[in-house]
Amino acid sequence: MSDVRHVLVLPDRDAAEEVAEVLTEEYGVAHQPQLVRDALAGEDDAEDAQWLVVLEDPEATYDPATLDTLAAEHEGWLEPARP
């Protein structure tokens, strides 16, 4: 078992919620994706915040390329995994 966490970066809350819904309903993810607001440095306005969809993947079953494609369809991207 590995400790893999995928982080998809989306431009707004609506996109993040939609991606989380797709992951849950279409991909059947075992762990509920977590939505996190990521304010840009020095910005207080919610309009300037990116939203993160954090997906725990302890069995390393989700393909990063597929997740990146899903994020790109919603004007986002998948953060590269860090060791």
PDB file of N, CA and C in Angstrom:
ATOM      1  N   MET A   1       0.848  -1.174   0.000  1.00  0.00           N
ATOM      2  CA  MET A   1       0.000   0.000   0.000  1.00  0.00           C
ATOM      3  C   MET A   1       0.894   1.239   0.000  1.00  0.00           C
ATOM      4  N   SER A   2       0.569   2.220  -0.803  1.00  0.00           N
ATOM      5  CA  SER A   2       1.345   3.457  -0.834  1.00  0.00           C
ATOM      6  C   SER A   2       0.473   4.603  -0.339  1.00  0.00           C
ATOM      7  N   ASP A   3       1.109   5.726  -0.100  1.00  0.00           N
ATOM      8  CA  ASP A   3       0.388   6.893   0.400  1.00  0.00           C
ATOM      9  C   ASP A   3       0.347   7.946  -0.697  1.00  0.00           C
ATOM     10  N   VAL A   4      -0.569   7.779  -1.651  1.00  0.00           N
ATOM     11  CA  VAL A   4      -0.647   8.683  -2.796  1.00  0.00           C
ATOM     12  C   VAL A   4      -1.793   9.664  -2.601  1.00  0.00           C
ATOM     13  N   ARG A   5      -1.515  10.923  -2.909  1.00  0.00           N
ATOM     14  CA  ARG A   5      -2.538  11.968  -2.847  1.00  0.00           C
ATOM     15  C   ARG A   5      -2.445  12.758  -4.156  1.00  0.00           C
ATOM     16  N   HIS A   6      -3.571  12.850  -4.850  1.00  0.00           N
ATOM     17  CA  HIS A   6      -3.633  13.635  -6.083  1.00  0.00           C
ATOM     18  C   HIS A   6      -4.268  14.987  -5.760  1.00  0.00           C
ATOM     19  N   VAL A   7      -3.701  16.043  -6.322  1.00  0.00           N
ATOM     20  CA  VAL A   7      -4.240  17.387  -6.108  1.00  0.00           C
ATOM     21  C   VAL A   7      -4.549  17.989  -7.473  1.00  0.00           C
ATOM     22  N   LEU A   8      -5.845  18.200  -7.718  1.00  0.00           N
ATOM     23  CA  LEU A   8      -6.289  18.838  -8.953  1.00  0.00           C
ATOM     24  C   LEU A   8      -6.575  20.300  -8.638  1.00  0.00           C
ATOM     25  N   VAL A   9      -6.023  21.201  -9.426  1.00  0.00           N
ATOM     26  CA  VAL A   9      -6.175  22.642  -9.212  1.00  0.00           C
ATOM     27  C   VAL A   9      -7.202  23.157 -10.206  1.00  0.00           C
ATOM     28  N   LEU A  10      -8.249  23.804  -9.680  1.00  0.00           N
ATOM     29  CA  LEU A  10      -9.337  24.303 -10.514  1.00  0.00           C
ATOM     30  C   LEU A  10      -9.495  25.809 -10.318  1.00  0.00           C
ATOM     31  N   PRO A  11     -10.055  26.493 -11.319  1.00  0.00           N
ATOM     32  CA  PRO A  11     -10.131  27.955 -11.258  1.00  0.00           C
ATOM     33  C   PRO A  11     -11.162  28.513 -10.283  1.00  0.00           C
ATOM     34  N   ASP A  12     -12.196  27.723  -9.934  1.00  0.00           N
ATOM     35  CA  ASP A  12     -13.230  28.248  -9.043  1.00  0.00           C
ATOM     36  C   ASP A  12     -13.957  27.098  -8.354  1.00  0.00           C
ATOM     37  N   ARG A  13     -14.784  27.466  -7.403  1.00  0.00           N
ATOM     38  CA  ARG A  13     -15.500  26.459  -6.604  1.00  0.00           C
ATOM     39  C   ARG A  13     -16.432  25.608  -7.464  1.00  0.00           C
ATOM     40  N   ASP A  14     -17.136  26.229  -8.403  1.00  0.00           N
ATOM     41  CA  ASP A  14     -18.062  25.467  -9.244  1.00  0.00           C
ATOM     42  C   ASP A  14     -17.334  24.353  -9.990  1.00  0.00           C
ATOM     43  N   ALA A  15     -16.184  24.683 -10.562  1.00  0.00           N
ATOM     44  CA  ALA A  15     -15.409  23.679 -11.299  1.00  0.00           C
ATOM     45  C   ALA A  15     -14.935  22.578 -10.358  1.00  0.00           C
ATOM     46  N   ALA A  16     -14.477  22.958  -9.161  1.00  0.00           N
ATOM     47  CA  ALA A  16     -14.006  21.973  -8.186  1.00  0.00           C
ATOM     48  C   ALA A  16     -15.140  21.041  -7.767  1.00  0.00           C
ATOM     49  N   GLU A  17     -16.307  21.591  -7.509  1.00  0.00           N
ATOM     50  CA  GLU A  17     -17.454  20.762  -7.118  1.00  0.00           C
ATOM     51  C   GLU A  17     -17.847  19.812  -8.236  1.00  0.00           C
ATOM     52  N   GLU A  18     -17.809  20.299  -9.474  1.00  0.00           N
ATOM     53  CA  GLU A  18     -18.165  19.452 -10.613  1.00  0.00           C
ATOM     54  C   GLU A  18     -17.165  18.310 -10.777  1.00  0.00           C
ATOM     55  N   VAL A  19     -15.874  18.610 -10.637  1.00  0.00           N
ATOM     56  CA  VAL A  19     -14.849  17.573 -10.751  1.00  0.00           C
ATOM     57  C   VAL A  19     -15.007  16.551  -9.628  1.00  0.00           C
ATOM     58  N   ALA A  20     -15.248  17.003  -8.413  1.00  0.00           N
ATOM     59  CA  ALA A  20     -15.450  16.087  -7.288  1.00  0.00           C
ATOM     60  C   ALA A  20     -16.648  15.182  -7.546  1.00  0.00           C
ATOM     61  N   GLU A  21     -17.703  15.737  -8.120  1.00  0.00           N
ATOM     62  CA  GLU A  21     -18.892  14.948  -8.442  1.00  0.00           C
ATOM     63  C   GLU A  21     -18.585  13.904  -9.508  1.00  0.00           C
ATOM     64  N   VAL A  22     -17.846  14.285 -10.532  1.00  0.00           N
ATOM     65  CA  VAL A  22     -17.468  13.340 -11.587  1.00  0.00           C
ATOM     66  C   VAL A  22     -16.617  12.213 -10.995  1.00  0.00           C
ATOM     67  N   LEU A  23     -15.661  12.573 -10.134  1.00  0.00           N
ATOM     68  CA  LEU A  23     -14.809  11.560  -9.519  1.00  0.00           C
ATOM     69  C   LEU A  23     -15.637  10.569  -8.708  1.00  0.00           C
ATOM     70  N   THR A  24     -16.622  11.066  -7.998  1.00  0.00           N
ATOM     71  CA  THR A  24     -17.449  10.216  -7.145  1.00  0.00           C
ATOM     72  C   THR A  24     -18.415   9.366  -7.964  1.00  0.00           C
ATOM     73  N   GLU A  25     -19.102   9.990  -8.907  1.00  0.00           N
ATOM     74  CA  GLU A  25     -20.151   9.283  -9.648  1.00  0.00           C
ATOM     75  C   GLU A  25     -19.632   8.455 -10.819  1.00  0.00           C
ATOM     76  N   GLU A  26     -18.689   8.990 -11.580  1.00  0.00           N
ATOM     77  CA  GLU A  26     -18.240   8.298 -12.789  1.00  0.00           C
ATOM     78  C   GLU A  26     -17.003   7.445 -12.573  1.00  0.00           C
ATOM     79  N   TYR A  27     -16.133   7.881 -11.666  1.00  0.00           N
ATOM     80  CA  TYR A  27     -14.906   7.135 -11.414  1.00  0.00           C
ATOM     81  C   TYR A  27     -15.049   6.209 -10.209  1.00  0.00           C
ATOM     82  N   GLY A  28     -16.100   6.409  -9.425  1.00  0.00           N
ATOM     83  CA  GLY A  28     -16.346   5.549  -8.278  1.00  0.00           C
ATOM     84  C   GLY A  28     -15.234   5.571  -7.247  1.00  0.00           C
ATOM     85  N   VAL A  29     -14.676   6.741  -6.975  1.00  0.00           N
ATOM     86  CA  VAL A  29     -13.581   6.826  -6.008  1.00  0.00           C
ATOM     87  C   VAL A  29     -14.049   6.348  -4.638  1.00  0.00           C
ATOM     88  N   ALA A  30     -13.157   5.656  -3.950  1.00  0.00           N
ATOM     89  CA  ALA A  30     -13.493   5.076  -2.659  1.00  0.00           C
ATOM     90  C   ALA A  30     -13.524   6.119  -1.547  1.00  0.00           C
ATOM     91  N   HIS A  31     -12.674   7.122  -1.645  1.00  0.00           N
ATOM     92  CA  HIS A  31     -12.594   8.164  -0.627  1.00  0.00           C
ATOM     93  C   HIS A  31     -13.167   9.454  -1.193  1.00  0.00           C
ATOM     94  N   GLN A  32     -14.055  10.092  -0.453  1.00  0.00           N
ATOM     95  CA  GLN A  32     -14.674  11.350  -0.886  1.00  0.00           C
ATOM     96  C   GLN A  32     -13.590  12.399  -1.152  1.00  0.00           C
ATOM     97  N   PRO A  33     -13.562  12.993  -2.355  1.00  0.00           N
ATOM     98  CA  PRO A  33     -12.591  14.052  -2.616  1.00  0.00           C
ATOM     99  C   PRO A  33     -12.835  15.240  -1.683  1.00  0.00           C
ATOM    100  N   GLN A  34     -11.761  15.869  -1.266  1.00  0.00           N
ATOM    101  CA  GLN A  34     -11.838  17.022  -0.370  1.00  0.00           C
ATOM    102  C   GLN A  34     -11.651  18.300  -1.184  1.00  0.00           C
ATOM    103  N   LEU A  35     -12.515  19.299  -0.958  1.00  0.00           N
ATOM    104  CA  LEU A  35     -12.398  20.595  -1.623  1.00  0.00           C
ATOM    105  C   LEU A  35     -11.702  21.569  -0.678  1.00  0.00           C
ATOM    106  N   VAL A  36     -10.696  22.269  -1.208  1.00  0.00           N
ATOM    107  CA  VAL A  36      -9.922  23.204  -0.402  1.00  0.00           C
ATOM    108  C   VAL A  36      -9.740  24.494  -1.190  1.00  0.00           C
ATOM    109  N   ARG A  37     -10.048  25.625  -0.557  1.00  0.00           N
ATOM    110  CA  ARG A  37      -9.835  26.936  -1.178  1.00  0.00           C
ATOM    111  C   ARG A  37      -8.372  27.300  -0.992  1.00  0.00           C
ATOM    112  N   ASP A  38      -7.716  27.682  -2.081  1.00  0.00           N
ATOM    113  CA  ASP A  38      -6.298  28.032  -2.053  1.00  0.00           C
ATOM    114  C   ASP A  38      -6.149  29.472  -2.522  1.00  0.00           C
ATOM    115  N   ALA A  39      -6.184  30.425  -1.579  1.00  0.00           N
ATOM    116  CA  ALA A  39      -6.065  31.842  -1.924  1.00  0.00           C
ATOM    117  C   ALA A  39      -4.671  32.127  -2.461  1.00  0.00           C
ATOM    118  N   LEU A  40      -4.597  32.918  -3.494  1.00  0.00           N
ATOM    119  CA  LEU A  40      -3.309  33.324  -4.043  1.00  0.00           C
ATOM    120  C   LEU A  40      -2.611  34.246  -3.057  1.00  0.00           C
ATOM    121  N   ALA A  41      -1.318  34.192  -3.018  1.00  0.00           N
ATOM    122  CA  ALA A  41      -0.538  34.987  -2.069  1.00  0.00           C
ATOM    123  C   ALA A  41      -0.918  36.456  -2.138  1.00  0.00           C
ATOM    124  N   GLY A  42      -1.247  37.020  -0.983  1.00  0.00           N
ATOM    125  CA  GLY A  42      -1.558  38.447  -0.904  1.00  0.00           C
ATOM    126  C   GLY A  42      -2.957  38.822  -1.336  1.00  0.00           C
ATOM    127  N   GLU A  43      -3.783  37.851  -1.677  1.00  0.00           N
ATOM    128  CA  GLU A  43      -5.132  38.140  -2.158  1.00  0.00           C
ATOM    129  C   GLU A  43      -6.158  37.784  -1.088  1.00  0.00           C
ATOM    130  N   ASP A  44      -7.071  38.704  -0.814  1.00  0.00           N
ATOM    131  CA  ASP A  44      -8.143  38.440   0.140  1.00  0.00           C
ATOM    132  C   ASP A  44      -9.460  38.154  -0.550  1.00  0.00           C
ATOM    133  N   ASP A  45      -9.577  38.518  -1.807  1.00  0.00           N
ATOM    134  CA  ASP A  45     -10.817  38.390  -2.558  1.00  0.00           C
ATOM    135  C   ASP A  45     -11.051  36.934  -2.966  1.00  0.00           C
ATOM    136  N   ALA A  46     -12.208  36.401  -2.680  1.00  0.00           N
ATOM    137  CA  ALA A  46     -12.538  35.021  -3.024  1.00  0.00           C
ATOM    138  C   ALA A  46     -12.476  34.783  -4.531  1.00  0.00           C
ATOM    139  N   GLU A  47     -12.648  35.833  -5.316  1.00  0.00           N
ATOM    140  CA  GLU A  47     -12.586  35.695  -6.770  1.00  0.00           C
ATOM    141  C   GLU A  47     -11.185  35.334  -7.231  1.00  0.00           C
ATOM    142  N   ASP A  48     -10.178  35.625  -6.406  1.00  0.00           N
ATOM    143  CA  ASP A  48      -8.797  35.356  -6.771  1.00  0.00           C
ATOM    144  C   ASP A  48      -8.284  34.050  -6.178  1.00  0.00           C
ATOM    145  N   ALA A  49      -9.176  33.185  -5.785  1.00  0.00           N
ATOM    146  CA  ALA A  49      -8.792  31.922  -5.170  1.00  0.00           C
ATOM    147  C   ALA A  49      -8.908  30.788  -6.176  1.00  0.00           C
ATOM    148  N   GLN A  50      -7.949  29.889  -6.104  1.00  0.00           N
ATOM    149  CA  GLN A  50      -8.061  28.640  -6.834  1.00  0.00           C
ATOM    150  C   GLN A  50      -8.679  27.646  -5.863  1.00  0.00           C
ATOM    151  N   TRP A  51      -9.253  26.609  -6.406  1.00  0.00           N
ATOM    152  CA  TRP A  51      -9.823  25.551  -5.573  1.00  0.00           C
ATOM    153  C   TRP A  51      -9.094  24.258  -5.871  1.00  0.00           C
ATOM    154  N   LEU A  52      -8.813  23.505  -4.836  1.00  0.00           N
ATOM    155  CA  LEU A  52      -8.125  22.237  -4.966  1.00  0.00           C
ATOM    156  C   LEU A  52      -9.101  21.099  -4.689  1.00  0.00           C
ATOM    157  N   VAL A  53      -8.992  20.059  -5.482  1.00  0.00           N
ATOM    158  CA  VAL A  53      -9.702  18.823  -5.214  1.00  0.00           C
ATOM    159  C   VAL A  53      -8.623  17.827  -4.820  1.00  0.00           C
ATOM    160  N   VAL A  54      -8.663  17.407  -3.561  1.00  0.00           N
ATOM    161  CA  VAL A  54      -7.651  16.496  -3.031  1.00  0.00           C
ATOM    162  C   VAL A  54      -8.261  15.097  -2.994  1.00  0.00           C
ATOM    163  N   LEU A  55      -7.590  14.178  -3.673  1.00  0.00           N
ATOM    164  CA  LEU A  55      -8.086  12.814  -3.799  1.00  0.00           C
ATOM    165  C   LEU A  55      -7.063  11.854  -3.196  1.00  0.00           C
ATOM    166  N   GLU A  56      -7.457  11.214  -2.102  1.00  0.00           N
ATOM    167  CA  GLU A  56      -6.600  10.202  -1.482  1.00  0.00           C
ATOM    168  C   GLU A  56      -6.666   8.936  -2.332  1.00  0.00           C
ATOM    169  N   ASP A  57      -5.510   8.341  -2.578  1.00  0.00           N
ATOM    170  CA  ASP A  57      -5.434   7.159  -3.431  1.00  0.00           C
ATOM    171  C   ASP A  57      -4.459   6.153  -2.818  1.00  0.00           C
ATOM    172  N   PRO A  58      -4.819   5.581  -1.648  1.00  0.00           N
ATOM    173  CA  PRO A  58      -3.884   4.706  -0.939  1.00  0.00           C
ATOM    174  C   PRO A  58      -3.463   3.465  -1.722  1.00  0.00           C
ATOM    175  N   GLU A  59      -4.272   3.043  -2.662  1.00  0.00           N
ATOM    176  CA  GLU A  59      -3.936   1.858  -3.463  1.00  0.00           C
ATOM    177  C   GLU A  59      -3.265   2.240  -4.785  1.00  0.00           C
ATOM    178  N   ALA A  60      -3.079   3.544  -5.020  1.00  0.00           N
ATOM    179  CA  ALA A  60      -2.467   4.055  -6.264  1.00  0.00           C
ATOM    180  C   ALA A  60      -3.177   3.491  -7.498  1.00  0.00           C
ATOM    181  N   THR A  61      -4.504   3.593  -7.501  1.00  0.00           N
ATOM    182  CA  THR A  61      -5.288   3.017  -8.593  1.00  0.00           C
ATOM    183  C   THR A  61      -5.694   4.023  -9.667  1.00  0.00           C
ATOM    184  N   TYR A  62      -5.606   5.312  -9.374  1.00  0.00           N
ATOM    185  CA  TYR A  62      -6.081   6.317 -10.327  1.00  0.00           C
ATOM    186  C   TYR A  62      -4.939   6.803 -11.208  1.00  0.00           C
ATOM    187  N   ASP A  63      -5.201   6.826 -12.500  1.00  0.00           N
ATOM    188  CA  ASP A  63      -4.201   7.211 -13.486  1.00  0.00           C
ATOM    189  C   ASP A  63      -4.015   8.726 -13.494  1.00  0.00           C
ATOM    190  N   PRO A  64      -2.806   9.213 -13.209  1.00  0.00           N
ATOM    191  CA  PRO A  64      -2.564  10.657 -13.196  1.00  0.00           C
ATOM    192  C   PRO A  64      -2.890  11.338 -14.534  1.00  0.00           C
ATOM    193  N   ALA A  65      -2.633  10.680 -15.641  1.00  0.00           N
ATOM    194  CA  ALA A  65      -2.941  11.272 -16.946  1.00  0.00           C
ATOM    195  C   ALA A  65      -4.445  11.480 -17.110  1.00  0.00           C
ATOM    196  N   THR A  66      -5.238  10.526 -16.650  1.00  0.00           N
ATOM    197  CA  THR A  66      -6.692  10.643 -16.722  1.00  0.00           C
ATOM    198  C   THR A  66      -7.181  11.776 -15.825  1.00  0.00           C
ATOM    199  N   LEU A  67      -6.615  11.871 -14.620  1.00  0.00           N
ATOM    200  CA  LEU A  67      -6.995  12.951 -13.705  1.00  0.00           C
ATOM    201  C   LEU A  67      -6.612  14.311 -14.275  1.00  0.00           C
ATOM    202  N   ASP A  68      -5.444  14.386 -14.919  1.00  0.00           N
ATOM    203  CA  ASP A  68      -5.009  15.647 -15.521  1.00  0.00           C
ATOM    204  C   ASP A  68      -5.947  16.047 -16.660  1.00  0.00           C
ATOM    205  N   THR A  69      -6.380  15.079 -17.442  1.00  0.00           N
ATOM    206  CA  THR A  69      -7.319  15.350 -18.532  1.00  0.00           C
ATOM    207  C   THR A  69      -8.647  15.859 -17.976  1.00  0.00           C
ATOM    208  N   LEU A  70      -9.135  15.225 -16.905  1.00  0.00           N
ATOM    209  CA  LEU A  70     -10.378  15.668 -16.271  1.00  0.00           C
ATOM    210  C   LEU A  70     -10.245  17.105 -15.784  1.00  0.00           C
ATOM    211  N   ALA A  71      -9.146  17.411 -15.120  1.00  0.00           N
ATOM    212  CA  ALA A  71      -8.921  18.780 -14.635  1.00  0.00           C
ATOM    213  C   ALA A  71      -8.849  19.759 -15.806  1.00  0.00           C
ATOM    214  N   ALA A  72      -8.155  19.396 -16.867  1.00  0.00           N
ATOM    215  CA  ALA A  72      -8.011  20.273 -18.040  1.00  0.00           C
ATOM    216  C   ALA A  72      -9.362  20.563 -18.686  1.00  0.00           C
ATOM    217  N   GLU A  73     -10.266  19.600 -18.656  1.00  0.00           N
ATOM    218  CA  GLU A  73     -11.611  19.809 -19.206  1.00  0.00           C
ATOM    219  C   GLU A  73     -12.370  20.886 -18.428  1.00  0.00           C
ATOM    220  N   HIS A  74     -11.888  21.196 -17.219  1.00  0.00           N
ATOM    221  CA  HIS A  74     -12.526  22.212 -16.377  1.00  0.00           C
ATOM    222  C   HIS A  74     -11.572  23.385 -16.128  1.00  0.00           C
ATOM    223  N   GLU A  75     -10.644  23.590 -17.094  1.00  0.00           N
ATOM    224  CA  GLU A  75      -9.683  24.700 -17.065  1.00  0.00           C
ATOM    225  C   GLU A  75      -8.730  24.628 -15.874  1.00  0.00           C
ATOM    226  N   GLY A  76      -8.364  23.413 -15.487  1.00  0.00           N
ATOM    227  CA  GLY A  76      -7.436  23.216 -14.385  1.00  0.00           C
ATOM    228  C   GLY A  76      -6.317  22.285 -14.767  1.00  0.00           C
ATOM    229  N   TRP A  77      -5.614  21.773 -13.764  1.00  0.00           N
ATOM    230  CA  TRP A  77      -4.514  20.857 -13.994  1.00  0.00           C
ATOM    231  C   TRP A  77      -4.291  19.998 -12.758  1.00  0.00           C
ATOM    232  N   LEU A  78      -3.514  18.927 -12.944  1.00  0.00           N
ATOM    233  CA  LEU A  78      -3.121  18.048 -11.854  1.00  0.00           C
ATOM    234  C   LEU A  78      -1.726  18.452 -11.415  1.00  0.00           C
ATOM    235  N   GLU A  79      -1.562  18.713 -10.128  1.00  0.00           N
ATOM    236  CA  GLU A  79      -0.245  19.044  -9.590  1.00  0.00           C
ATOM    237  C   GLU A  79       0.631  17.799  -9.656  1.00  0.00           C
ATOM    238  N   PRO A  80       1.906  17.971 -10.040  1.00  0.00           N
ATOM    239  CA  PRO A  80       2.807  16.801 -10.044  1.00  0.00           C
ATOM    240  C   PRO A  80       2.982  16.256  -8.625  1.00  0.00           C
ATOM    241  N   ALA A  81       3.054  14.962  -8.515  1.00  0.00           N
ATOM    242  CA  ALA A  81       3.253  14.327  -7.203  1.00  0.00           C
ATOM    243  C   ALA A  81       4.645  14.665  -6.690  1.00  0.00           C
ATOM    244  N   ARG A  82       4.728  14.872  -5.379  1.00  0.00           N
ATOM    245  CA  ARG A  82       6.011  15.168  -4.747  1.00  0.00           C
ATOM    246  C   ARG A  82       6.397  13.988  -3.860  1.00  0.00           C
ATOM    247  N   PRO A  83       7.679  13.624  -3.888  1.00  0.00           N
ATOM    248  CA  PRO A  83       8.117  12.500  -3.038  1.00  0.00           C
ATOM    249  C   PRO A  83       8.046  12.835  -1.575  1.00  0.00           C
TER     250      PRO A  83
END
